């Protein structure tokens, strides 16, 4: 079978290399998450402004039933 001391023979430089790779991987994920959060915040601000602009706009009612093809015709 496996000899326990042979399994534990991982050099210090191998451990440091693995830790650096893991650190870079999670660092990239963190940066992508921050970037996505920033983009979503900007989009939310844009939609809030658009919503406020539409809410403040004066509503003009138009009667759309005048030209309707199924309106009741009185002959």
C-alpha atoms as a PDB file:
ATOM      1  CA  UNK A   1       0.000   0.000   0.000  1.00  0.00           C
ATOM      2  CA  UNK A   2       0.981   3.618   0.394  1.00  0.00           C
ATOM      3  CA  UNK A   3       3.633   4.620   2.813  1.00  0.00           C
ATOM      4  CA  UNK A   4       2.456   7.561   4.958  1.00  0.00           C
ATOM      5  CA  UNK A   5       5.727   9.522   4.829  1.00  0.00           C
ATOM      6  CA  UNK A   6       5.776   9.290   1.020  1.00  0.00           C
ATOM      7  CA  UNK A   7       2.285  10.835   0.808  1.00  0.00           C
ATOM      8  CA  UNK A   8       3.308  13.744   3.021  1.00  0.00           C
ATOM      9  CA  UNK A   9       6.276  14.629   0.819  1.00  0.00           C
ATOM     10  CA  UNK A  10       4.853  17.772  -0.685  1.00  0.00           C
ATOM     11  CA  UNK A  11       7.400  20.506  -0.923  1.00  0.00           C
ATOM     12  CA  UNK A  12       6.833  23.966   0.449  1.00  0.00           C
ATOM     13  CA  UNK A  13       7.126  25.491  -3.018  1.00  0.00           C
ATOM     14  CA  UNK A  14       4.285  23.233  -4.264  1.00  0.00           C
ATOM     15  CA  UNK A  15       2.041  24.457  -1.465  1.00  0.00           C
ATOM     16  CA  UNK A  16       2.900  28.091  -2.213  1.00  0.00           C
ATOM     17  CA  UNK A  17       2.214  27.554  -5.923  1.00  0.00           C
ATOM     18  CA  UNK A  18      -1.184  25.985  -5.207  1.00  0.00           C
ATOM     19  CA  UNK A  19      -2.078  28.814  -2.809  1.00  0.00           C
ATOM     20  CA  UNK A  20      -1.106  31.444  -5.391  1.00  0.00           C
ATOM     21  CA  UNK A  21      -3.257  29.763  -8.035  1.00  0.00           C
ATOM     22  CA  UNK A  22      -6.238  29.625  -5.648  1.00  0.00           C
ATOM     23  CA  UNK A  23      -5.674  33.262  -4.645  1.00  0.00           C
ATOM     24  CA  UNK A  24      -5.588  34.420  -8.275  1.00  0.00           C
ATOM     25  CA  UNK A  25      -8.728  32.403  -9.087  1.00  0.00           C
ATOM     26  CA  UNK A  26     -10.766  33.855  -6.230  1.00  0.00           C
ATOM     27  CA  UNK A  27      -9.343  37.321  -6.874  1.00  0.00           C
ATOM     28  CA  UNK A  28     -10.627  37.178 -10.451  1.00  0.00           C
ATOM     29  CA  UNK A  29     -14.036  36.016  -9.200  1.00  0.00           C
ATOM     30  CA  UNK A  30     -14.107  38.895  -6.721  1.00  0.00           C
ATOM     31  CA  UNK A  31     -13.232  41.463  -9.390  1.00  0.00           C
ATOM     32  CA  UNK A  32     -15.885  40.089 -11.742  1.00  0.00           C
ATOM     33  CA  UNK A  33     -18.466  40.263  -8.951  1.00  0.00           C
ATOM     34  CA  UNK A  34     -17.562  43.869  -8.130  1.00  0.00           C
ATOM     35  CA  UNK A  35     -17.754  44.810 -11.814  1.00  0.00           C
ATOM     36  CA  UNK A  36     -21.161  43.143 -12.195  1.00  0.00           C
ATOM     37  CA  UNK A  37     -22.438  44.885  -9.059  1.00  0.00           C
ATOM     38  CA  UNK A  38     -21.286  48.256 -10.414  1.00  0.00           C
ATOM     39  CA  UNK A  39     -23.024  47.643 -13.756  1.00  0.00           C
ATOM     40  CA  UNK A  40     -26.262  46.597 -12.040  1.00  0.00           C
ATOM     41  CA  UNK A  41     -26.168  49.688  -9.832  1.00  0.00           C
ATOM     42  CA  UNK A  42     -25.746  51.942 -12.888  1.00  0.00           C
ATOM     43  CA  UNK A  43     -28.603  50.177 -14.704  1.00  0.00           C
ATOM     44  CA  UNK A  44     -30.839  50.510 -11.646  1.00  0.00           C
ATOM     45  CA  UNK A  45     -30.116  54.241 -11.438  1.00  0.00           C
ATOM     46  CA  UNK A  46     -30.912  54.639 -15.142  1.00  0.00           C
ATOM     47  CA  UNK A  47     -34.206  52.770 -14.787  1.00  0.00           C
ATOM     48  CA  UNK A  48     -35.149  54.803 -11.686  1.00  0.00           C
ATOM     49  CA  UNK A  49     -34.533  58.018 -13.601  1.00  0.00           C
ATOM     50  CA  UNK A  50     -36.580  56.757 -16.553  1.00  0.00           C
ATOM     51  CA  UNK A  51     -39.392  55.705 -14.222  1.00  0.00           C
ATOM     52  CA  UNK A  52     -39.417  59.098 -12.504  1.00  0.00           C
ATOM     53  CA  UNK A  53     -39.420  60.890 -15.853  1.00  0.00           C
ATOM     54  CA  UNK A  54     -42.402  58.856 -17.027  1.00  0.00           C
ATOM     55  CA  UNK A  55     -44.247  59.408 -13.740  1.00  0.00           C
ATOM     56  CA  UNK A  56     -43.717  63.176 -13.909  1.00  0.00           C
ATOM     57  CA  UNK A  57     -44.782  63.403 -17.525  1.00  0.00           C
ATOM     58  CA  UNK A  58     -48.233  64.879 -17.994  1.00  0.00           C
ATOM     59  CA  UNK A  59     -50.680  62.151 -18.921  1.00  0.00           C
ATOM     60  CA  UNK A  60     -52.641  62.876 -22.043  1.00  0.00           C
ATOM     61  CA  UNK A  61     -55.695  60.731 -22.570  1.00  0.00           C
ATOM     62  CA  UNK A  62     -56.541  59.772 -26.107  1.00  0.00           C
ATOM     63  CA  UNK A  63     -59.714  57.976 -27.088  1.00  0.00           C
ATOM     64  CA  UNK A  64     -58.570  55.019 -29.132  1.00  0.00           C
ATOM     65  CA  UNK A  65     -62.046  53.546 -29.629  1.00  0.00           C
ATOM     66  CA  UNK A  66     -63.115  55.881 -32.426  1.00  0.00           C
ATOM     67  CA  UNK A  67     -61.587  53.861 -35.219  1.00  0.00           C
ATOM     68  CA  UNK A  68     -62.160  50.452 -33.717  1.00  0.00           C
ATOM     69  CA  UNK A  69     -63.544  47.992 -36.245  1.00  0.00           C
ATOM     70  CA  UNK A  70     -65.828  46.247 -33.741  1.00  0.00           C
ATOM     71  CA  UNK A  71     -67.539  49.311 -32.362  1.00  0.00           C
ATOM     72  CA  UNK A  72     -71.327  49.292 -32.177  1.00  0.00           C
ATOM     73  CA  UNK A  73     -72.715  50.918 -35.298  1.00  0.00           C
ATOM     74  CA  UNK A  74     -76.160  52.356 -34.957  1.00  0.00           C
ATOM     75  CA  UNK A  75     -77.969  52.256 -38.298  1.00  0.00           C
END
